[in-house]
Amino acid sequence: MGELESWTLDCIKKFSNMDVDYLLDLFDDDATVYEPFSSTGVVSGHAEIESFLKVFCKYSSFVTDMRSVKVSTMKNAPNSTTAIVGIKKGFNAKFVLDFDFEQPASGKKKKIKKLRIHHQK
């Protein structure tokens, strides 16, 4: 497993542990999250993302089994990963989380620029 895949898996664990402060720090200041849960389907910037994370982490705490999380990268998108996560809370659902990362300057932390969350069909 490569660096980005490991980093993404760590993000999923933080969702499951409901570590909102840690997760919020991973997002770029002007990051965008596309999600299927709200009426707008999109949240932008730290304030909106923080509110979203507080709700999303509650559901993510029901990840069925971290060993079943599948993370991959695409050769033509070196700063992107995809994670497939099963969530169980009265229902079973699989979600796909597509992360786009900002390539950091030397010595800076990698930041999430875009996160797209959708149901796996």
PDB file of N, CA and C in Angstrom:
ATOM      1  N   MET A   1       0.857  -1.175   0.000  1.00  0.00           N
ATOM      2  CA  MET A   1       0.000   0.000   0.000  1.00  0.00           C
ATOM      3  C   MET A   1       0.901   1.235   0.000  1.00  0.00           C
ATOM      4  N   GLY A   2       0.588   2.179  -0.892  1.00  0.00           N
ATOM      5  CA  GLY A   2       1.381   3.389  -1.022  1.00  0.00           C
ATOM      6  C   GLY A   2       1.034   4.443   0.023  1.00  0.00           C
ATOM      7  N   GLU A   3       1.775   5.546  -0.024  1.00  0.00           N
ATOM      8  CA  GLU A   3       1.593   6.623   0.953  1.00  0.00           C
ATOM      9  C   GLU A   3       0.176   7.199   0.926  1.00  0.00           C
ATOM     10  N   LEU A   4      -0.337   7.502  -0.281  1.00  0.00           N
ATOM     11  CA  LEU A   4      -1.682   8.079  -0.370  1.00  0.00           C
ATOM     12  C   LEU A   4      -2.759   7.116   0.113  1.00  0.00           C
ATOM     13  N   GLU A   5      -2.616   5.844  -0.221  1.00  0.00           N
ATOM     14  CA  GLU A   5      -3.594   4.860   0.228  1.00  0.00           C
ATOM     15  C   GLU A   5      -3.590   4.761   1.754  1.00  0.00           C
ATOM     16  N   SER A   6      -2.395   4.728   2.353  1.00  0.00           N
ATOM     17  CA  SER A   6      -2.283   4.668   3.816  1.00  0.00           C
ATOM     18  C   SER A   6      -2.877   5.909   4.459  1.00  0.00           C
ATOM     19  N   TRP A   7      -2.603   7.062   3.859  1.00  0.00           N
ATOM     20  CA  TRP A   7      -3.116   8.331   4.374  1.00  0.00           C
ATOM     21  C   TRP A   7      -4.641   8.338   4.310  1.00  0.00           C
ATOM     22  N   THR A   8      -5.198   7.842   3.221  1.00  0.00           N
ATOM     23  CA  THR A   8      -6.650   7.783   3.058  1.00  0.00           C
ATOM     24  C   THR A   8      -7.272   6.834   4.079  1.00  0.00           C
ATOM     25  N   LEU A   9      -6.661   5.685   4.281  1.00  0.00           N
ATOM     26  CA  LEU A   9      -7.164   4.736   5.273  1.00  0.00           C
ATOM     27  C   LEU A   9      -7.153   5.361   6.669  1.00  0.00           C
ATOM     28  N   ASP A  10      -6.125   6.140   6.968  1.00  0.00           N
ATOM     29  CA  ASP A  10      -6.066   6.840   8.252  1.00  0.00           C
ATOM     30  C   ASP A  10      -7.224   7.835   8.376  1.00  0.00           C
ATOM     31  N   CYS A  11      -7.545   8.523   7.279  1.00  0.00           N
ATOM     32  CA  CYS A  11      -8.697   9.449   7.284  1.00  0.00           C
ATOM     33  C   CYS A  11      -9.983   8.707   7.623  1.00  0.00           C
ATOM     34  N   ILE A  12     -10.185   7.534   7.027  1.00  0.00           N
ATOM     35  CA  ILE A  12     -11.391   6.749   7.283  1.00  0.00           C
ATOM     36  C   ILE A  12     -11.449   6.356   8.761  1.00  0.00           C
ATOM     37  N   LYS A  13     -10.307   5.977   9.326  1.00  0.00           N
ATOM     38  CA  LYS A  13     -10.269   5.635  10.753  1.00  0.00           C
ATOM     39  C   LYS A  13     -10.654   6.842  11.597  1.00  0.00           C
ATOM     40  N   LYS A  14     -10.200   8.024  11.220  1.00  0.00           N
ATOM     41  CA  LYS A  14     -10.532   9.240  11.975  1.00  0.00           C
ATOM     42  C   LYS A  14     -12.022   9.554  11.861  1.00  0.00           C
ATOM     43  N   PHE A  15     -12.622   9.295  10.693  1.00  0.00           N
ATOM     44  CA  PHE A  15     -14.079   9.435  10.572  1.00  0.00           C
ATOM     45  C   PHE A  15     -14.753   8.502  11.579  1.00  0.00           C
ATOM     46  N   SER A  16     -14.300   7.258  11.625  1.00  0.00           N
ATOM     47  CA  SER A  16     -14.902   6.269  12.517  1.00  0.00           C
ATOM     48  C   SER A  16     -14.720   6.634  13.985  1.00  0.00           C
ATOM     49  N   ASN A  17     -13.602   7.280  14.302  1.00  0.00           N
ATOM     50  CA  ASN A  17     -13.329   7.686  15.688  1.00  0.00           C
ATOM     51  C   ASN A  17     -13.957   9.032  16.032  1.00  0.00           C
ATOM     52  N   MET A  18     -14.646   9.632  15.068  1.00  0.00           N
ATOM     53  CA  MET A  18     -15.332  10.914  15.253  1.00  0.00           C
ATOM     54  C   MET A  18     -14.359  12.025  15.666  1.00  0.00           C
ATOM     55  N   ASP A  19     -13.167  12.012  15.086  1.00  0.00           N
ATOM     56  CA  ASP A  19     -12.128  12.994  15.402  1.00  0.00           C
ATOM     57  C   ASP A  19     -12.266  14.194  14.464  1.00  0.00           C
ATOM     58  N   VAL A  20     -13.278  15.025  14.704  1.00  0.00           N
ATOM     59  CA  VAL A  20     -13.625  16.136  13.813  1.00  0.00           C
ATOM     60  C   VAL A  20     -12.494  17.154  13.713  1.00  0.00           C
ATOM     61  N   ASP A  21     -11.871  17.507  14.836  1.00  0.00           N
ATOM     62  CA  ASP A  21     -10.801  18.512  14.809  1.00  0.00           C
ATOM     63  C   ASP A  21      -9.627  18.052  13.948  1.00  0.00           C
ATOM     64  N   TYR A  22      -9.237  16.791  14.107  1.00  0.00           N
ATOM     65  CA  TYR A  22      -8.148  16.241  13.307  1.00  0.00           C
ATOM     66  C   TYR A  22      -8.514  16.266  11.824  1.00  0.00           C
ATOM     67  N   LEU A  23      -9.732  15.817  11.525  1.00  0.00           N
ATOM     68  CA  LEU A  23     -10.178  15.770  10.132  1.00  0.00           C
ATOM     69  C   LEU A  23     -10.260  17.154   9.512  1.00  0.00           C
ATOM     70  N   LEU A  24     -10.798  18.114  10.243  1.00  0.00           N
ATOM     71  CA  LEU A  24     -10.932  19.467   9.708  1.00  0.00           C
ATOM     72  C   LEU A  24      -9.573  20.031   9.331  1.00  0.00           C
ATOM     73  N   ASP A  25      -8.557  19.702  10.110  1.00  0.00           N
ATOM     74  CA  ASP A  25      -7.199  20.168   9.821  1.00  0.00           C
ATOM     75  C   ASP A  25      -6.650  19.569   8.529  1.00  0.00           C
ATOM     76  N   LEU A  26      -7.212  18.459   8.075  1.00  0.00           N
ATOM     77  CA  LEU A  26      -6.753  17.829   6.834  1.00  0.00           C
ATOM     78  C   LEU A  26      -7.277  18.529   5.585  1.00  0.00           C
ATOM     79  N   PHE A  27      -8.321  19.351   5.747  1.00  0.00           N
ATOM     80  CA  PHE A  27      -8.938  20.023   4.605  1.00  0.00           C
ATOM     81  C   PHE A  27      -8.275  21.368   4.342  1.00  0.00           C
ATOM     82  N   ASP A  28      -8.069  21.666   3.065  1.00  0.00           N
ATOM     83  CA  ASP A  28      -7.585  22.966   2.640  1.00  0.00           C
ATOM     84  C   ASP A  28      -8.625  24.024   3.024  1.00  0.00           C
ATOM     85  N   ASP A  29      -8.195  25.265   3.220  1.00  0.00           N
ATOM     86  CA  ASP A  29      -9.114  26.332   3.643  1.00  0.00           C
ATOM     87  C   ASP A  29     -10.306  26.501   2.706  1.00  0.00           C
ATOM     88  N   ASP A  30     -10.081  26.313   1.406  1.00  0.00           N
ATOM     89  CA  ASP A  30     -11.176  26.490   0.442  1.00  0.00           C
ATOM     90  C   ASP A  30     -11.627  25.158  -0.169  1.00  0.00           C
ATOM     91  N   ALA A  31     -11.494  24.095   0.604  1.00  0.00           N
ATOM     92  CA  ALA A  31     -11.887  22.766   0.132  1.00  0.00           C
ATOM     93  C   ALA A  31     -13.396  22.688  -0.084  1.00  0.00           C
ATOM     94  N   THR A  32     -13.784  21.703  -0.892  1.00  0.00           N
ATOM     95  CA  THR A  32     -15.196  21.472  -1.195  1.00  0.00           C
ATOM     96  C   THR A  32     -15.520  20.001  -0.964  1.00  0.00           C
ATOM     97  N   VAL A  33     -16.680  19.750  -0.358  1.00  0.00           N
ATOM     98  CA  VAL A  33     -17.172  18.389  -0.164  1.00  0.00           C
ATOM     99  C   VAL A  33     -18.494  18.264  -0.913  1.00  0.00           C
ATOM    100  N   TYR A  34     -18.556  17.289  -1.820  1.00  0.00           N
ATOM    101  CA  TYR A  34     -19.791  16.980  -2.540  1.00  0.00           C
ATOM    102  C   TYR A  34     -20.385  15.750  -1.858  1.00  0.00           C
ATOM    103  N   GLU A  35     -21.623  15.871  -1.372  1.00  0.00           N
ATOM    104  CA  GLU A  35     -22.199  14.795  -0.575  1.00  0.00           C
ATOM    105  C   GLU A  35     -23.686  14.638  -0.877  1.00  0.00           C
ATOM    106  N   PRO A  36     -24.210  13.430  -0.685  1.00  0.00           N
ATOM    107  CA  PRO A  36     -25.615  13.161  -1.033  1.00  0.00           C
ATOM    108  C   PRO A  36     -26.602  13.342   0.119  1.00  0.00           C
ATOM    109  N   PHE A  37     -26.162  13.893   1.229  1.00  0.00           N
ATOM    110  CA  PHE A  37     -26.991  13.896   2.430  1.00  0.00           C
ATOM    111  C   PHE A  37     -27.789  15.175   2.643  1.00  0.00           C
ATOM    112  N   SER A  38     -27.313  16.302   2.146  1.00  0.00           N
ATOM    113  CA  SER A  38     -28.007  17.576   2.383  1.00  0.00           C
ATOM    114  C   SER A  38     -28.810  17.985   1.154  1.00  0.00           C
ATOM    115  N   SER A  39     -29.603  19.027   1.324  1.00  0.00           N
ATOM    116  CA  SER A  39     -30.414  19.495   0.196  1.00  0.00           C
ATOM    117  C   SER A  39     -29.562  20.161  -0.877  1.00  0.00           C
ATOM    118  N   THR A  40     -28.441  20.769  -0.492  1.00  0.00           N
ATOM    119  CA  THR A  40     -27.587  21.438  -1.480  1.00  0.00           C
ATOM    120  C   THR A  40     -26.604  20.479  -2.131  1.00  0.00           C
ATOM    121  N   GLY A  41     -26.197  19.436  -1.400  1.00  0.00           N
ATOM    122  CA  GLY A  41     -25.268  18.464  -1.964  1.00  0.00           C
ATOM    123  C   GLY A  41     -23.827  18.912  -2.002  1.00  0.00           C
ATOM    124  N   VAL A  42     -23.531  20.095  -1.452  1.00  0.00           N
ATOM    125  CA  VAL A  42     -22.158  20.586  -1.467  1.00  0.00           C
ATOM    126  C   VAL A  42     -21.923  21.488  -0.260  1.00  0.00           C
ATOM    127  N   VAL A  43     -20.741  21.353   0.343  1.00  0.00           N
ATOM    128  CA  VAL A  43     -20.310  22.255   1.411  1.00  0.00           C
ATOM    129  C   VAL A  43     -18.904  22.727   1.076  1.00  0.00           C
ATOM    130  N   SER A  44     -18.614  23.993   1.399  1.00  0.00           N
ATOM    131  CA  SER A  44     -17.314  24.582   1.061  1.00  0.00           C
ATOM    132  C   SER A  44     -16.770  25.371   2.238  1.00  0.00           C
ATOM    133  N   GLY A  45     -15.454  25.361   2.365  1.00  0.00           N
ATOM    134  CA  GLY A  45     -14.798  26.132   3.414  1.00  0.00           C
ATOM    135  C   GLY A  45     -14.865  25.438   4.764  1.00  0.00           C
ATOM    136  N   HIS A  46     -13.971  25.841   5.654  1.00  0.00           N
ATOM    137  CA  HIS A  46     -13.835  25.158   6.941  1.00  0.00           C
ATOM    138  C   HIS A  46     -15.105  25.165   7.788  1.00  0.00           C
ATOM    139  N   ALA A  47     -15.825  26.284   7.869  1.00  0.00           N
ATOM    140  CA  ALA A  47     -17.008  26.357   8.738  1.00  0.00           C
ATOM    141  C   ALA A  47     -18.082  25.365   8.296  1.00  0.00           C
ATOM    142  N   GLU A  48     -18.383  25.332   7.001  1.00  0.00           N
ATOM    143  CA  GLU A  48     -19.397  24.402   6.494  1.00  0.00           C
ATOM    144  C   GLU A  48     -18.924  22.956   6.592  1.00  0.00           C
ATOM    145  N   ILE A  49     -17.641  22.739   6.308  1.00  0.00           N
ATOM    146  CA  ILE A  49     -17.100  21.377   6.364  1.00  0.00           C
ATOM    147  C   ILE A  49     -17.117  20.864   7.801  1.00  0.00           C
ATOM    148  N   GLU A  50     -16.824  21.729   8.765  1.00  0.00           N
ATOM    149  CA  GLU A  50     -16.859  21.308  10.169  1.00  0.00           C
ATOM    150  C   GLU A  50     -18.262  20.841  10.559  1.00  0.00           C
ATOM    151  N   SER A  51     -19.276  21.598  10.182  1.00  0.00           N
ATOM    152  CA  SER A  51     -20.661  21.197  10.478  1.00  0.00           C
ATOM    153  C   SER A  51     -20.994  19.863   9.826  1.00  0.00           C
ATOM    154  N   PHE A  52     -20.587  19.705   8.574  1.00  0.00           N
ATOM    155  CA  PHE A  52     -20.829  18.453   7.860  1.00  0.00           C
ATOM    156  C   PHE A  52     -20.124  17.287   8.555  1.00  0.00           C
ATOM    157  N   LEU A  53     -18.853  17.479   8.932  1.00  0.00           N
ATOM    158  CA  LEU A  53     -18.083  16.407   9.554  1.00  0.00           C
ATOM    159  C   LEU A  53     -18.715  15.928  10.854  1.00  0.00           C
ATOM    160  N   LYS A  54     -19.266  16.847  11.614  1.00  0.00           N
ATOM    161  CA  LYS A  54     -19.896  16.463  12.885  1.00  0.00           C
ATOM    162  C   LYS A  54     -21.039  15.476  12.653  1.00  0.00           C
ATOM    163  N   VAL A  55     -21.787  15.680  11.599  1.00  0.00           N
ATOM    164  CA  VAL A  55     -22.891  14.770  11.277  1.00  0.00           C
ATOM    165  C   VAL A  55     -22.367  13.498  10.615  1.00  0.00           C
ATOM    166  N   PHE A  56     -21.490  13.648   9.625  1.00  0.00           N
ATOM    167  CA  PHE A  56     -21.001  12.492   8.873  1.00  0.00           C
ATOM    168  C   PHE A  56     -20.238  11.518   9.769  1.00  0.00           C
ATOM    169  N   CYS A  57     -19.455  12.048  10.705  1.00  0.00           N
ATOM    170  CA  CYS A  57     -18.684  11.176  11.590  1.00  0.00           C
ATOM    171  C   CYS A  57     -19.585  10.289  12.436  1.00  0.00           C
ATOM    172  N   LYS A  58     -20.753  10.780  12.792  1.00  0.00           N
ATOM    173  CA  LYS A  58     -21.679   9.954  13.574  1.00  0.00           C
ATOM    174  C   LYS A  58     -22.065   8.699  12.796  1.00  0.00           C
ATOM    175  N   TYR A  59     -22.326   8.859  11.508  1.00  0.00           N
ATOM    176  CA  TYR A  59     -22.667   7.704  10.684  1.00  0.00           C
ATOM    177  C   TYR A  59     -21.449   6.846  10.392  1.00  0.00           C
ATOM    178  N   SER A  60     -20.304   7.478  10.219  1.00  0.00           N
ATOM    179  CA  SER A  60     -19.090   6.735   9.909  1.00  0.00           C
ATOM    180  C   SER A  60     -18.606   5.916  11.090  1.00  0.00           C
ATOM    181  N   SER A  61     -19.072   6.248  12.289  1.00  0.00           N
ATOM    182  CA  SER A  61     -18.671   5.463  13.456  1.00  0.00           C
ATOM    183  C   SER A  61     -19.235   4.048  13.381  1.00  0.00           C
ATOM    184  N   PHE A  62     -20.106   3.814  12.412  1.00  0.00           N
ATOM    185  CA  PHE A  62     -20.703   2.500  12.241  1.00  0.00           C
ATOM    186  C   PHE A  62     -20.085   1.741  11.068  1.00  0.00           C
ATOM    187  N   VAL A  63     -18.847   2.104  10.684  1.00  0.00           N
ATOM    188  CA  VAL A  63     -18.159   1.359   9.627  1.00  0.00           C
ATOM    189  C   VAL A  63     -18.110  -0.099  10.066  1.00  0.00           C
ATOM    190  N   THR A  64     -18.555  -0.981   9.210  1.00  0.00           N
ATOM    191  CA  THR A  64     -18.727  -2.376   9.601  1.00  0.00           C
ATOM    192  C   THR A  64     -17.408  -3.063   9.931  1.00  0.00           C
ATOM    193  N   ASP A  65     -16.389  -2.850   9.155  1.00  0.00           N
ATOM    194  CA  ASP A  65     -15.126  -3.539   9.377  1.00  0.00           C
ATOM    195  C   ASP A  65     -14.043  -2.797   8.602  1.00  0.00           C
ATOM    196  N   MET A  66     -13.073  -2.251   9.322  1.00  0.00           N
ATOM    197  CA  MET A  66     -12.008  -1.494   8.652  1.00  0.00           C
ATOM    198  C   MET A  66     -11.247  -2.371   7.660  1.00  0.00           C
ATOM    199  N   ARG A  67     -11.196  -3.676   7.899  1.00  0.00           N
ATOM    200  CA  ARG A  67     -10.483  -4.554   6.963  1.00  0.00           C
ATOM    201  C   ARG A  67     -11.184  -4.644   5.619  1.00  0.00           C
ATOM    202  N   SER A  68     -12.489  -4.296   5.605  1.00  0.00           N
ATOM    203  CA  SER A  68     -13.237  -4.370   4.349  1.00  0.00           C
ATOM    204  C   SER A  68     -13.138  -3.079   3.539  1.00  0.00           C
ATOM    205  N   VAL A  69     -12.520  -2.040   4.104  1.00  0.00           N
ATOM    206  CA  VAL A  69     -12.361  -0.777   3.376  1.00  0.00           C
ATOM    207  C   VAL A  69     -11.353  -0.991   2.258  1.00  0.00           C
ATOM    208  N   LYS A  70     -11.732  -0.612   1.053  1.00  0.00           N
ATOM    209  CA  LYS A  70     -10.845  -0.766  -0.103  1.00  0.00           C
ATOM    210  C   LYS A  70     -10.415   0.615  -0.574  1.00  0.00           C
ATOM    211  N   VAL A  71      -9.103   0.820  -0.686  1.00  0.00           N
ATOM    212  CA  VAL A  71      -8.553   2.108  -1.103  1.00  0.00           C
ATOM    213  C   VAL A  71      -7.698   1.881  -2.340  1.00  0.00           C
ATOM    214  N   SER A  72      -7.855   2.765  -3.331  1.00  0.00           N
ATOM    215  CA  SER A  72      -7.049   2.649  -4.546  1.00  0.00           C
ATOM    216  C   SER A  72      -6.728   4.029  -5.107  1.00  0.00           C
ATOM    217  N   THR A  73      -5.719   4.057  -5.961  1.00  0.00           N
ATOM    218  CA  THR A  73      -5.362   5.276  -6.689  1.00  0.00           C
ATOM    219  C   THR A  73      -5.434   4.968  -8.177  1.00  0.00           C
ATOM    220  N   MET A  74      -5.493   6.037  -8.972  1.00  0.00           N
ATOM    221  CA  MET A  74      -5.478   5.863 -10.422  1.00  0.00           C
ATOM    222  C   MET A  74      -4.164   6.415 -10.959  1.00  0.00           C
ATOM    223  N   LYS A  75      -3.605   5.737 -11.926  1.00  0.00           N
ATOM    224  CA  LYS A  75      -2.319   6.162 -12.485  1.00  0.00           C
ATOM    225  C   LYS A  75      -2.382   7.552 -13.095  1.00  0.00           C
ATOM    226  N   ASN A  76      -3.518   7.905 -13.697  1.00  0.00           N
ATOM    227  CA  ASN A  76      -3.624   9.208 -14.363  1.00  0.00           C
ATOM    228  C   ASN A  76      -4.032  10.326 -13.405  1.00  0.00           C
ATOM    229  N   ALA A  77      -4.233  10.005 -12.115  1.00  0.00           N
ATOM    230  CA  ALA A  77      -4.594  11.017 -11.110  1.00  0.00           C
ATOM    231  C   ALA A  77      -3.747  10.771  -9.857  1.00  0.00           C
ATOM    232  N   PRO A  78      -2.476  11.168  -9.897  1.00  0.00           N
ATOM    233  CA  PRO A  78      -1.550  10.821  -8.818  1.00  0.00           C
ATOM    234  C   PRO A  78      -1.875  11.449  -7.464  1.00  0.00           C
ATOM    235  N   ASN A  79      -2.720  12.467  -7.425  1.00  0.00           N
ATOM    236  CA  ASN A  79      -3.084  13.105  -6.156  1.00  0.00           C
ATOM    237  C   ASN A  79      -4.523  12.803  -5.762  1.00  0.00           C
ATOM    238  N   SER A  80      -5.026  11.634  -6.179  1.00  0.00           N
ATOM    239  CA  SER A  80      -6.406  11.250  -5.885  1.00  0.00           C
ATOM    240  C   SER A  80      -6.451   9.812  -5.396  1.00  0.00           C
ATOM    241  N   THR A  81      -7.381   9.548  -4.482  1.00  0.00           N
ATOM    242  CA  THR A  81      -7.632   8.181  -4.038  1.00  0.00           C
ATOM    243  C   THR A  81      -9.136   7.951  -3.976  1.00  0.00           C
ATOM    244  N   THR A  82      -9.509   6.689  -4.000  1.00  0.00           N
ATOM    245  CA  THR A  82     -10.902   6.289  -3.856  1.00  0.00           C
ATOM    246  C   THR A  82     -10.979   5.245  -2.754  1.00  0.00           C
ATOM    247  N   ALA A  83     -11.946   5.419  -1.841  1.00  0.00           N
ATOM    248  CA  ALA A  83     -12.163   4.446  -0.773  1.00  0.00           C
ATOM    249  C   ALA A  83     -13.609   3.968  -0.842  1.00  0.00           C
ATOM    250  N   ILE A  84     -13.800   2.666  -0.707  1.00  0.00           N
ATOM    251  CA  ILE A  84     -15.141   2.088  -0.641  1.00  0.00           C
ATOM    252  C   ILE A  84     -15.341   1.618   0.800  1.00  0.00           C
ATOM    253  N   VAL A  85     -16.396   2.147   1.427  1.00  0.00           N
ATOM    254  CA  VAL A  85     -16.619   1.940   2.857  1.00  0.00           C
ATOM    255  C   VAL A  85     -18.026   1.406   3.085  1.00  0.00           C
ATOM    256  N   GLY A  86     -18.143   0.340   3.855  1.00  0.00           N
ATOM    257  CA  GLY A  86     -19.453  -0.178   4.241  1.00  0.00           C
ATOM    258  C   GLY A  86     -19.870   0.399   5.581  1.00  0.00           C
ATOM    259  N   ILE A  87     -21.099   0.877   5.668  1.00  0.00           N
ATOM    260  CA  ILE A  87     -21.623   1.464   6.900  1.00  0.00           C
ATOM    261  C   ILE A  87     -22.888   0.710   7.289  1.00  0.00           C
ATOM    262  N   LYS A  88     -23.014   0.398   8.571  1.00  0.00           N
ATOM    263  CA  LYS A  88     -24.183  -0.340   9.038  1.00  0.00           C
ATOM    264  C   LYS A  88     -24.763   0.362  10.260  1.00  0.00           C
ATOM    265  N   LYS A  89     -25.994   0.787  10.146  1.00  0.00           N
ATOM    266  CA  LYS A  89     -26.746   1.341  11.288  1.00  0.00           C
ATOM    267  C   LYS A  89     -28.225   1.180  10.965  1.00  0.00           C
ATOM    268  N   GLY A  90     -28.733   0.006  11.218  1.00  0.00           N
ATOM    269  CA  GLY A  90     -30.125  -0.249  10.890  1.00  0.00           C
ATOM    270  C   GLY A  90     -30.324  -0.560   9.415  1.00  0.00           C
ATOM    271  N   PHE A  91     -29.302  -0.322   8.616  1.00  0.00           N
ATOM    272  CA  PHE A  91     -29.325  -0.624   7.187  1.00  0.00           C
ATOM    273  C   PHE A  91     -27.883  -0.823   6.757  1.00  0.00           C
ATOM    274  N   ASN A  92     -27.703  -1.497   5.669  1.00  0.00           N
ATOM    275  CA  ASN A  92     -26.357  -1.649   5.124  1.00  0.00           C
ATOM    276  C   ASN A  92     -26.224  -0.742   3.920  1.00  0.00           C
ATOM    277  N   ALA A  93     -25.135  -0.023   3.844  1.00  0.00           N
ATOM    278  CA  ALA A  93     -24.888   0.842   2.694  1.00  0.00           C
ATOM    279  C   ALA A  93     -23.400   0.878   2.426  1.00  0.00           C
ATOM    280  N   LYS A  94     -23.065   1.020   1.183  1.00  0.00           N
ATOM    281  CA  LYS A  94     -21.662   1.218   0.808  1.00  0.00           C
ATOM    282  C   LYS A  94     -21.544   2.588   0.190  1.00  0.00           C
ATOM    283  N   PHE A  95     -20.521   3.308   0.625  1.00  0.00           N
ATOM    284  CA  PHE A  95     -20.254   4.637   0.101  1.00  0.00           C
ATOM    285  C   PHE A  95     -18.881   4.652  -0.539  1.00  0.00           C
ATOM    286  N   VAL A  96     -18.763   5.447  -1.583  1.00  0.00           N
ATOM    287  CA  VAL A  96     -17.486   5.683  -2.238  1.00  0.00           C
ATOM    288  C   VAL A  96     -17.049   7.085  -1.851  1.00  0.00           C
ATOM    289  N   LEU A  97     -15.824   7.204  -1.368  1.00  0.00           N
ATOM    290  CA  LEU A  97     -15.247   8.498  -1.020  1.00  0.00           C
ATOM    291  C   LEU A  97     -14.082   8.747  -1.966  1.00  0.00           C
ATOM    292  N   ASP A  98     -14.202   9.756  -2.801  1.00  0.00           N
ATOM    293  CA  ASP A  98     -13.141  10.132  -3.733  1.00  0.00           C
ATOM    294  C   ASP A  98     -12.437  11.360  -3.172  1.00  0.00           C
ATOM    295  N   PHE A  99     -11.157  11.215  -2.846  1.00  0.00           N
ATOM    296  CA  PHE A  99     -10.357  12.298  -2.298  1.00  0.00           C
ATOM    297  C   PHE A  99      -9.461  12.893  -3.379  1.00  0.00           C
ATOM    298  N   ASP A 100      -9.407  14.210  -3.477  1.00  0.00           N
ATOM    299  CA  ASP A 100      -8.421  14.908  -4.298  1.00  0.00           C
ATOM    300  C   ASP A 100      -7.562  15.719  -3.342  1.00  0.00           C
ATOM    301  N   PHE A 101      -6.257  15.528  -3.428  1.00  0.00           N
ATOM    302  CA  PHE A 101      -5.335  16.192  -2.524  1.00  0.00           C
ATOM    303  C   PHE A 101      -4.576  17.299  -3.229  1.00  0.00           C
ATOM    304  N   GLU A 102      -4.240  18.320  -2.465  1.00  0.00           N
ATOM    305  CA  GLU A 102      -3.392  19.385  -2.973  1.00  0.00           C
ATOM    306  C   GLU A 102      -1.952  18.937  -2.789  1.00  0.00           C
ATOM    307  N   GLN A 103      -1.156  19.097  -3.810  1.00  0.00           N
ATOM    308  CA  GLN A 103       0.253  18.750  -3.700  1.00  0.00           C
ATOM    309  C   GLN A 103       0.924  19.818  -2.853  1.00  0.00           C
ATOM    310  N   PRO A 104       1.395  19.480  -1.657  1.00  0.00           N
ATOM    311  CA  PRO A 104       1.939  20.500  -0.760  1.00  0.00           C
ATOM    312  C   PRO A 104       3.329  20.963  -1.174  1.00  0.00           C
ATOM    313  N   ALA A 105       3.631  22.201  -0.776  1.00  0.00           N
ATOM    314  CA  ALA A 105       4.996  22.693  -0.941  1.00  0.00           C
ATOM    315  C   ALA A 105       5.873  21.903   0.026  1.00  0.00           C
ATOM    316  N   SER A 106       7.136  21.902  -0.217  1.00  0.00           N
ATOM    317  CA  SER A 106       8.063  21.147   0.614  1.00  0.00           C
ATOM    318  C   SER A 106       7.888  21.504   2.094  1.00  0.00           C
ATOM    319  N   GLY A 107       7.757  20.475   2.926  1.00  0.00           N
ATOM    320  CA  GLY A 107       7.643  20.686   4.356  1.00  0.00           C
ATOM    321  C   GLY A 107       6.236  20.950   4.854  1.00  0.00           C
ATOM    322  N   LYS A 108       5.262  21.075   3.957  1.00  0.00           N
ATOM    323  CA  LYS A 108       3.878  21.323   4.383  1.00  0.00           C
ATOM    324  C   LYS A 108       3.082  20.024   4.351  1.00  0.00           C
ATOM    325  N   LYS A 109       1.997  20.006   5.123  1.00  0.00           N
ATOM    326  CA  LYS A 109       1.140  18.826   5.182  1.00  0.00           C
ATOM    327  C   LYS A 109       0.238  18.743   3.960  1.00  0.00           C
ATOM    328  N   LYS A 110      -0.015  17.525   3.543  1.00  0.00           N
ATOM    329  CA  LYS A 110      -0.956  17.266   2.449  1.00  0.00           C
ATOM    330  C   LYS A 110      -2.345  17.680   2.912  1.00  0.00           C
ATOM    331  N   LYS A 111      -3.122  18.327   2.037  1.00  0.00           N
ATOM    332  CA  LYS A 111      -4.465  18.791   2.379  1.00  0.00           C
ATOM    333  C   LYS A 111      -5.474  18.243   1.375  1.00  0.00           C
ATOM    334  N   ILE A 112      -6.690  17.994   1.854  1.00  0.00           N
ATOM    335  CA  ILE A 112      -7.777  17.554   0.982  1.00  0.00           C
ATOM    336  C   ILE A 112      -8.352  18.783   0.291  1.00  0.00           C
ATOM    337  N   LYS A 113      -8.365  18.766  -1.031  1.00  0.00           N
ATOM    338  CA  LYS A 113      -8.926  19.863  -1.823  1.00  0.00           C
ATOM    339  C   LYS A 113     -10.402  19.599  -2.138  1.00  0.00           C
ATOM    340  N   LYS A 114     -10.707  18.353  -2.490  1.00  0.00           N
ATOM    341  CA  LYS A 114     -12.090  17.958  -2.795  1.00  0.00           C
ATOM    342  C   LYS A 114     -12.340  16.571  -2.223  1.00  0.00           C
ATOM    343  N   LEU A 115     -13.547  16.391  -1.718  1.00  0.00           N
ATOM    344  CA  LEU A 115     -14.010  15.079  -1.292  1.00  0.00           C
ATOM    345  C   LEU A 115     -15.390  14.878  -1.886  1.00  0.00           C
ATOM    346  N   ARG A 116     -15.543  13.792  -2.653  1.00  0.00           N
ATOM    347  CA  ARG A 116     -16.830  13.451  -3.243  1.00  0.00           C
ATOM    348  C   ARG A 116     -17.312  12.158  -2.585  1.00  0.00           C
ATOM    349  N   ILE A 117     -18.509  12.218  -2.026  1.00  0.00           N
ATOM    350  CA  ILE A 117     -19.092  11.054  -1.354  1.00  0.00           C
ATOM    351  C   ILE A 117     -20.356  10.667  -2.115  1.00  0.00           C
ATOM    352  N   HIS A 118     -20.462   9.399  -2.471  1.00  0.00           N
ATOM    353  CA  HIS A 118     -21.670   8.944  -3.149  1.00  0.00           C
ATOM    354  C   HIS A 118     -21.920   7.484  -2.811  1.00  0.00           C
ATOM    355  N   HIS A 119     -23.161   7.055  -2.981  1.00  0.00           N
ATOM    356  CA  HIS A 119     -23.546   5.668  -2.737  1.00  0.00           C
ATOM    357  C   HIS A 119     -22.935   4.793  -3.817  1.00  0.00           C
ATOM    358  N   GLN A 120     -22.436   3.641  -3.417  1.00  0.00           N
ATOM    359  CA  GLN A 120     -21.967   2.678  -4.406  1.00  0.00           C
ATOM    360  C   GLN A 120     -23.181   1.969  -4.970  1.00  0.00           C
ATOM    361  N   LYS A 121     -23.218   1.872  -6.288  1.00  0.00           N
ATOM    362  CA  LYS A 121     -24.364   1.231  -6.951  1.00  0.00           C
ATOM    363  C   LYS A 121     -24.132  -0.239  -7.127  1.00  0.00           C
TER     364      LYS A 121
END
